Amino acid sequence: MKRIQFNIKQQSGIGVISLIVGLCLIIVFTSMFVNVVPLYAENFSVESTLETVSEEQETIRLSNSEIKKRIMKRLSLSGVSSVNERNITIHRSPDSTVLQIAYEVRTHFLANIDFVVKFDDKEEVIR
């Protein structure tokens, strides 16, 4: 009778523990992706709103409160809920006006772990 010897180095495949760890990692990274991507999509709307308002010719002539109202109106139409009027600052100089929106968004991840993402968008309106 032949004796069959098994060598550990000849075995191949993934073990159950490795499979579970791999699936857990995929789930965690997918969850991170799902939680963070909408924040950046919303920031894209904020950036495009700032760009649109800064390109309008009448923006220079408007008062700060009117500019803020115009920005907030466009942001609400875009579905942006993370920005309020306190996040909008307007810096005027003789040559230009700088529109800035600085805000942070906190989103829940797992248990007591949250993601905090800070955004600081600026656009300059040149006279």
N, C-alpha and C. Protein backbone atom coordinates (compact mmCIF):
# COMPACT_ATOMS: atom_id res chain seq x y z
N MET A 1 0.81 -1.18 0.00
CA MET A 1 0.00 0.00 0.00
C MET A 1 0.85 1.24 0.00
N LYS A 2 0.45 2.16 -0.81
CA LYS A 2 1.15 3.43 -0.88
C LYS A 2 0.64 4.34 0.20
N ARG A 3 1.57 5.00 0.79
CA ARG A 3 1.19 6.00 1.79
C ARG A 3 1.14 7.36 1.14
N ILE A 4 0.06 8.07 1.33
CA ILE A 4 -0.08 9.41 0.76
C ILE A 4 0.27 10.41 1.84
N GLN A 5 1.23 11.27 1.52
CA GLN A 5 1.63 12.32 2.47
C GLN A 5 1.11 13.66 1.97
N PHE A 6 0.57 14.42 2.90
CA PHE A 6 0.07 15.75 2.56
C PHE A 6 1.07 16.77 3.03
N ASN A 7 1.40 17.66 2.15
CA ASN A 7 2.33 18.73 2.48
C ASN A 7 1.53 20.03 2.61
N ILE A 8 1.74 20.74 3.69
CA ILE A 8 1.00 21.98 3.91
C ILE A 8 1.27 23.00 2.81
N LYS A 9 2.47 23.01 2.28
CA LYS A 9 2.82 23.98 1.24
C LYS A 9 2.07 23.72 -0.07
N GLN A 10 1.55 22.53 -0.24
CA GLN A 10 0.83 22.21 -1.47
C GLN A 10 -0.64 22.60 -1.40
N GLN A 11 -1.13 22.88 -0.22
CA GLN A 11 -2.52 23.26 -0.09
C GLN A 11 -2.73 24.67 -0.61
N SER A 12 -3.84 24.92 -1.23
CA SER A 12 -4.12 26.25 -1.74
C SER A 12 -5.57 26.59 -1.47
N GLY A 13 -5.88 27.88 -1.56
CA GLY A 13 -7.25 28.33 -1.32
C GLY A 13 -7.28 29.30 -0.16
N ILE A 14 -8.44 29.84 0.05
CA ILE A 14 -8.58 30.83 1.11
C ILE A 14 -9.33 30.16 2.27
N GLY A 15 -8.89 30.49 3.46
CA GLY A 15 -9.53 29.93 4.63
C GLY A 15 -10.78 30.71 5.00
N VAL A 16 -11.57 30.14 5.88
CA VAL A 16 -12.82 30.77 6.31
C VAL A 16 -12.54 32.09 7.02
N ILE A 17 -11.53 32.10 7.88
CA ILE A 17 -11.19 33.32 8.63
C ILE A 17 -10.76 34.42 7.66
N SER A 18 -9.94 34.08 6.69
CA SER A 18 -9.49 35.07 5.70
C SER A 18 -10.66 35.60 4.88
N LEU A 19 -11.58 34.73 4.55
CA LEU A 19 -12.76 35.14 3.80
C LEU A 19 -13.61 36.11 4.61
N ILE A 20 -13.83 35.82 5.87
CA ILE A 20 -14.63 36.70 6.74
C ILE A 20 -13.95 38.05 6.91
N VAL A 21 -12.64 38.07 7.14
CA VAL A 21 -11.91 39.33 7.29
C VAL A 21 -11.98 40.14 6.00
N GLY A 22 -11.80 39.49 4.88
CA GLY A 22 -11.87 40.18 3.59
C GLY A 22 -13.25 40.78 3.34
N LEU A 23 -14.30 40.03 3.64
CA LEU A 23 -15.66 40.55 3.47
C LEU A 23 -15.93 41.72 4.41
N CYS A 24 -15.44 41.63 5.64
CA CYS A 24 -15.61 42.75 6.58
C CYS A 24 -14.92 44.01 6.08
N LEU A 25 -13.72 43.86 5.53
CA LEU A 25 -13.00 45.02 4.99
C LEU A 25 -13.75 45.62 3.80
N ILE A 26 -14.28 44.78 2.95
CA ILE A 26 -15.05 45.28 1.80
C ILE A 26 -16.28 46.04 2.28
N ILE A 27 -16.97 45.52 3.29
CA ILE A 27 -18.15 46.18 3.82
C ILE A 27 -17.80 47.52 4.45
N VAL A 28 -16.71 47.59 5.21
CA VAL A 28 -16.31 48.85 5.85
C VAL A 28 -15.96 49.90 4.81
N PHE A 29 -15.16 49.54 3.81
CA PHE A 29 -14.77 50.51 2.80
C PHE A 29 -15.95 50.94 1.92
N THR A 30 -16.86 50.04 1.65
CA THR A 30 -18.06 50.40 0.90
C THR A 30 -18.93 51.36 1.70
N SER A 31 -19.05 51.11 2.99
CA SER A 31 -19.82 52.01 3.86
C SER A 31 -19.18 53.39 3.93
N MET A 32 -17.85 53.44 4.00
CA MET A 32 -17.16 54.74 3.99
C MET A 32 -17.44 55.48 2.70
N PHE A 33 -17.37 54.78 1.60
CA PHE A 33 -17.60 55.37 0.28
C PHE A 33 -19.02 55.92 0.18
N VAL A 34 -19.99 55.14 0.63
CA VAL A 34 -21.40 55.53 0.56
C VAL A 34 -21.69 56.75 1.44
N ASN A 35 -20.98 56.89 2.56
CA ASN A 35 -21.21 58.01 3.46
C ASN A 35 -20.51 59.29 3.02
N VAL A 36 -19.37 59.19 2.37
CA VAL A 36 -18.57 60.38 2.05
C VAL A 36 -18.87 60.95 0.67
N VAL A 37 -19.18 60.14 -0.30
CA VAL A 37 -19.40 60.62 -1.67
C VAL A 37 -20.53 61.66 -1.76
N PRO A 38 -21.67 61.48 -1.08
CA PRO A 38 -22.71 62.51 -1.16
C PRO A 38 -22.27 63.87 -0.61
N LEU A 39 -21.36 63.88 0.34
CA LEU A 39 -20.86 65.15 0.88
C LEU A 39 -20.08 65.91 -0.19
N TYR A 40 -19.28 65.21 -0.95
CA TYR A 40 -18.51 65.86 -2.02
C TYR A 40 -19.42 66.26 -3.19
N ALA A 41 -20.46 65.49 -3.43
CA ALA A 41 -21.43 65.86 -4.48
C ALA A 41 -22.14 67.15 -4.08
N GLU A 42 -22.50 67.27 -2.80
CA GLU A 42 -23.15 68.49 -2.32
C GLU A 42 -22.19 69.68 -2.41
N ASN A 43 -20.91 69.44 -2.10
CA ASN A 43 -19.93 70.52 -2.21
C ASN A 43 -19.74 70.95 -3.66
N PHE A 44 -19.88 70.04 -4.60
CA PHE A 44 -19.81 70.41 -6.00
C PHE A 44 -20.91 71.40 -6.35
N SER A 45 -22.11 71.21 -5.79
CA SER A 45 -23.21 72.15 -6.00
C SER A 45 -22.89 73.51 -5.39
N VAL A 46 -22.25 73.51 -4.24
CA VAL A 46 -21.85 74.77 -3.59
C VAL A 46 -20.85 75.51 -4.47
N GLU A 47 -19.86 74.79 -4.98
CA GLU A 47 -18.85 75.41 -5.85
C GLU A 47 -19.47 75.98 -7.12
N SER A 48 -20.36 75.23 -7.73
CA SER A 48 -20.97 75.72 -8.97
C SER A 48 -21.88 76.91 -8.71
N THR A 49 -22.54 76.93 -7.56
CA THR A 49 -23.37 78.09 -7.20
C THR A 49 -22.51 79.33 -7.01
N LEU A 50 -21.41 79.18 -6.29
CA LEU A 50 -20.49 80.32 -6.11
C LEU A 50 -19.97 80.82 -7.45
N GLU A 51 -19.63 79.91 -8.32
CA GLU A 51 -19.11 80.29 -9.63
C GLU A 51 -20.17 81.03 -10.44
N THR A 52 -21.39 80.54 -10.40
CA THR A 52 -22.49 81.18 -11.14
C THR A 52 -22.76 82.59 -10.63
N VAL A 53 -22.83 82.73 -9.31
CA VAL A 53 -23.10 84.06 -8.73
C VAL A 53 -21.95 85.01 -9.01
N SER A 54 -20.72 84.53 -8.97
CA SER A 54 -19.58 85.41 -9.22
C SER A 54 -19.49 85.85 -10.68
N GLU A 55 -20.05 85.08 -11.59
CA GLU A 55 -20.01 85.44 -13.01
C GLU A 55 -21.09 86.45 -13.40
N GLU A 56 -22.08 86.62 -12.55
CA GLU A 56 -23.14 87.58 -12.86
C GLU A 56 -22.61 89.01 -12.72
N GLN A 57 -22.95 89.84 -13.67
CA GLN A 57 -22.45 91.22 -13.71
C GLN A 57 -22.96 92.06 -12.54
N GLU A 58 -24.16 91.82 -12.11
CA GLU A 58 -24.76 92.67 -11.08
C GLU A 58 -24.32 92.32 -9.67
N THR A 59 -23.56 91.26 -9.50
CA THR A 59 -23.13 90.83 -8.17
C THR A 59 -22.33 91.92 -7.46
N ILE A 60 -21.49 92.62 -8.18
CA ILE A 60 -20.66 93.68 -7.59
C ILE A 60 -21.53 94.78 -7.00
N ARG A 61 -22.62 95.09 -7.63
CA ARG A 61 -23.47 96.21 -7.18
C ARG A 61 -24.40 95.84 -6.03
N LEU A 62 -24.59 94.56 -5.78
CA LEU A 62 -25.51 94.13 -4.73
C LEU A 62 -24.87 94.30 -3.35
N SER A 63 -25.72 94.45 -2.34
CA SER A 63 -25.21 94.52 -0.97
C SER A 63 -24.87 93.10 -0.50
N ASN A 64 -24.15 93.02 0.61
CA ASN A 64 -23.75 91.71 1.13
C ASN A 64 -24.96 90.84 1.46
N SER A 65 -25.98 91.42 2.06
CA SER A 65 -27.16 90.63 2.41
C SER A 65 -27.89 90.14 1.17
N GLU A 66 -27.93 90.95 0.13
CA GLU A 66 -28.58 90.53 -1.12
C GLU A 66 -27.80 89.40 -1.79
N ILE A 67 -26.48 89.48 -1.74
CA ILE A 67 -25.65 88.41 -2.31
C ILE A 67 -25.88 87.12 -1.54
N LYS A 68 -25.91 87.22 -0.21
CA LYS A 68 -26.14 86.03 0.61
C LYS A 68 -27.52 85.41 0.32
N LYS A 69 -28.52 86.25 0.18
CA LYS A 69 -29.86 85.74 -0.13
C LYS A 69 -29.87 85.04 -1.48
N ARG A 70 -29.18 85.63 -2.45
CA ARG A 70 -29.13 85.03 -3.78
C ARG A 70 -28.42 83.67 -3.74
N ILE A 71 -27.32 83.61 -3.00
CA ILE A 71 -26.59 82.34 -2.88
C ILE A 71 -27.45 81.29 -2.18
N MET A 72 -28.10 81.68 -1.07
CA MET A 72 -28.92 80.74 -0.32
C MET A 72 -30.11 80.23 -1.14
N LYS A 73 -30.67 81.10 -1.95
CA LYS A 73 -31.80 80.70 -2.80
C LYS A 73 -31.34 79.64 -3.81
N ARG A 74 -30.18 79.86 -4.41
CA ARG A 74 -29.66 78.89 -5.39
C ARG A 74 -29.28 77.57 -4.71
N LEU A 75 -28.71 77.68 -3.50
CA LEU A 75 -28.34 76.46 -2.79
C LEU A 75 -29.57 75.64 -2.40
N SER A 76 -30.63 76.31 -2.00
CA SER A 76 -31.84 75.57 -1.63
C SER A 76 -32.47 74.91 -2.86
N LEU A 77 -32.37 75.56 -4.02
CA LEU A 77 -32.86 74.94 -5.26
C LEU A 77 -32.03 73.72 -5.64
N SER A 78 -30.74 73.75 -5.28
CA SER A 78 -29.85 72.62 -5.57
C SER A 78 -29.97 71.50 -4.54
N GLY A 79 -30.71 71.74 -3.47
CA GLY A 79 -30.88 70.72 -2.45
C GLY A 79 -29.77 70.67 -1.42
N VAL A 80 -29.01 71.75 -1.30
CA VAL A 80 -27.92 71.81 -0.33
C VAL A 80 -28.49 72.23 1.01
N SER A 81 -28.29 71.40 2.02
CA SER A 81 -28.84 71.70 3.34
C SER A 81 -27.76 71.95 4.38
N SER A 82 -26.50 71.76 4.03
CA SER A 82 -25.40 71.89 4.99
C SER A 82 -24.91 73.31 5.19
N VAL A 83 -25.31 74.23 4.32
CA VAL A 83 -24.82 75.61 4.36
C VAL A 83 -25.93 76.53 4.83
N ASN A 84 -25.57 77.45 5.73
CA ASN A 84 -26.51 78.50 6.11
C ASN A 84 -25.83 79.85 5.91
N GLU A 85 -26.55 80.93 6.14
CA GLU A 85 -26.02 82.27 5.86
C GLU A 85 -24.79 82.60 6.70
N ARG A 86 -24.67 82.01 7.88
CA ARG A 86 -23.50 82.27 8.72
C ARG A 86 -22.22 81.72 8.12
N ASN A 87 -22.33 80.74 7.23
CA ASN A 87 -21.16 80.15 6.60
C ASN A 87 -20.64 80.98 5.42
N ILE A 88 -21.41 81.95 5.00
CA ILE A 88 -21.04 82.77 3.83
C ILE A 88 -20.40 84.06 4.32
N THR A 89 -19.19 84.33 3.81
CA THR A 89 -18.53 85.60 4.10
C THR A 89 -18.20 86.30 2.80
N ILE A 90 -18.28 87.62 2.85
CA ILE A 90 -18.01 88.42 1.66
C ILE A 90 -16.97 89.46 2.04
N HIS A 91 -15.84 89.44 1.35
CA HIS A 91 -14.76 90.39 1.58
C HIS A 91 -14.67 91.33 0.38
N ARG A 92 -14.83 92.61 0.65
CA ARG A 92 -14.78 93.59 -0.44
C ARG A 92 -13.48 94.38 -0.37
N SER A 93 -12.93 94.64 -1.55
CA SER A 93 -11.78 95.53 -1.70
C SER A 93 -12.07 96.44 -2.89
N PRO A 94 -11.27 97.47 -3.09
CA PRO A 94 -11.54 98.38 -4.22
C PRO A 94 -11.52 97.68 -5.59
N ASP A 95 -10.73 96.62 -5.72
CA ASP A 95 -10.58 95.95 -7.02
C ASP A 95 -11.48 94.74 -7.19
N SER A 96 -11.86 94.10 -6.10
CA SER A 96 -12.60 92.84 -6.23
C SER A 96 -13.45 92.56 -5.00
N THR A 97 -14.28 91.55 -5.16
CA THR A 97 -15.08 91.04 -4.06
C THR A 97 -14.87 89.53 -4.00
N VAL A 98 -14.58 89.03 -2.81
CA VAL A 98 -14.35 87.60 -2.64
C VAL A 98 -15.54 87.00 -1.91
N LEU A 99 -16.16 86.01 -2.54
CA LEU A 99 -17.26 85.27 -1.94
C LEU A 99 -16.68 83.97 -1.39
N GLN A 100 -16.96 83.69 -0.12
CA GLN A 100 -16.39 82.50 0.51
C GLN A 100 -17.47 81.76 1.30
N ILE A 101 -17.48 80.46 1.13
CA ILE A 101 -18.36 79.60 1.92
C ILE A 101 -17.48 78.57 2.60
N ALA A 102 -17.39 78.65 3.92
CA ALA A 102 -16.60 77.70 4.71
C ALA A 102 -17.56 76.99 5.66
N TYR A 103 -17.61 75.69 5.55
CA TYR A 103 -18.53 74.91 6.39
C TYR A 103 -17.97 73.51 6.61
N GLU A 104 -18.52 72.84 7.60
CA GLU A 104 -18.14 71.46 7.83
C GLU A 104 -19.40 70.61 7.97
N VAL A 105 -19.26 69.38 7.55
CA VAL A 105 -20.38 68.45 7.59
C VAL A 105 -19.95 67.23 8.41
N ARG A 106 -20.82 66.83 9.31
CA ARG A 106 -20.57 65.65 10.14
C ARG A 106 -21.58 64.59 9.74
N THR A 107 -21.08 63.39 9.44
CA THR A 107 -21.97 62.30 9.06
C THR A 107 -21.63 61.05 9.87
N HIS A 108 -22.65 60.31 10.22
CA HIS A 108 -22.49 59.11 11.05
C HIS A 108 -21.87 57.99 10.23
N PHE A 109 -20.97 57.22 10.86
CA PHE A 109 -20.34 56.08 10.19
C PHE A 109 -20.72 54.77 10.88
N LEU A 110 -20.09 54.46 11.97
CA LEU A 110 -20.39 53.24 12.72
C LEU A 110 -20.42 53.55 14.21
N ALA A 111 -21.37 52.99 14.91
CA ALA A 111 -21.49 53.13 16.36
C ALA A 111 -21.29 54.58 16.77
N ASN A 112 -20.17 54.89 17.44
CA ASN A 112 -19.91 56.27 17.85
C ASN A 112 -18.81 56.92 17.01
N ILE A 113 -18.64 56.47 15.80
CA ILE A 113 -17.63 57.01 14.88
C ILE A 113 -18.34 57.86 13.84
N ASP A 114 -17.90 59.11 13.72
CA ASP A 114 -18.44 60.04 12.73
C ASP A 114 -17.33 60.49 11.80
N PHE A 115 -17.72 60.89 10.60
CA PHE A 115 -16.80 61.55 9.68
C PHE A 115 -17.08 63.04 9.74
N VAL A 116 -16.03 63.85 9.81
CA VAL A 116 -16.16 65.30 9.75
C VAL A 116 -15.38 65.76 8.53
N VAL A 117 -16.07 66.43 7.61
CA VAL A 117 -15.44 66.89 6.38
C VAL A 117 -15.59 68.41 6.33
N LYS A 118 -14.46 69.10 6.15
CA LYS A 118 -14.47 70.57 6.09
C LYS A 118 -14.29 71.02 4.65
N PHE A 119 -15.07 72.01 4.28
CA PHE A 119 -14.98 72.58 2.94
C PHE A 119 -14.77 74.08 3.06
N ASP A 120 -13.97 74.63 2.17
CA ASP A 120 -13.72 76.07 2.13
C ASP A 120 -13.63 76.47 0.66
N ASP A 121 -14.73 77.01 0.14
CA ASP A 121 -14.82 77.37 -1.28
C ASP A 121 -14.80 78.88 -1.43
N LYS A 122 -14.02 79.37 -2.40
CA LYS A 122 -13.91 80.81 -2.66
C LYS A 122 -14.05 81.09 -4.14
N GLU A 123 -14.62 82.25 -4.41
CA GLU A 123 -14.68 82.78 -5.78
C GLU A 123 -14.45 84.27 -5.71
N GLU A 124 -13.70 84.78 -6.65
CA GLU A 124 -13.40 86.20 -6.69
C GLU A 124 -14.15 86.86 -7.83
N VAL A 125 -14.79 87.99 -7.52
CA VAL A 125 -15.48 88.79 -8.52
C VAL A 125 -14.63 90.02 -8.76
N ILE A 126 -14.10 90.16 -9.96
CA ILE A 126 -13.24 91.29 -10.31
C ILE A 126 -14.06 92.37 -10.98
N ARG A 127 -13.84 93.58 -10.54
CA ARG A 127 -14.60 94.72 -11.11
C ARG A 127 -14.16 95.04 -12.50
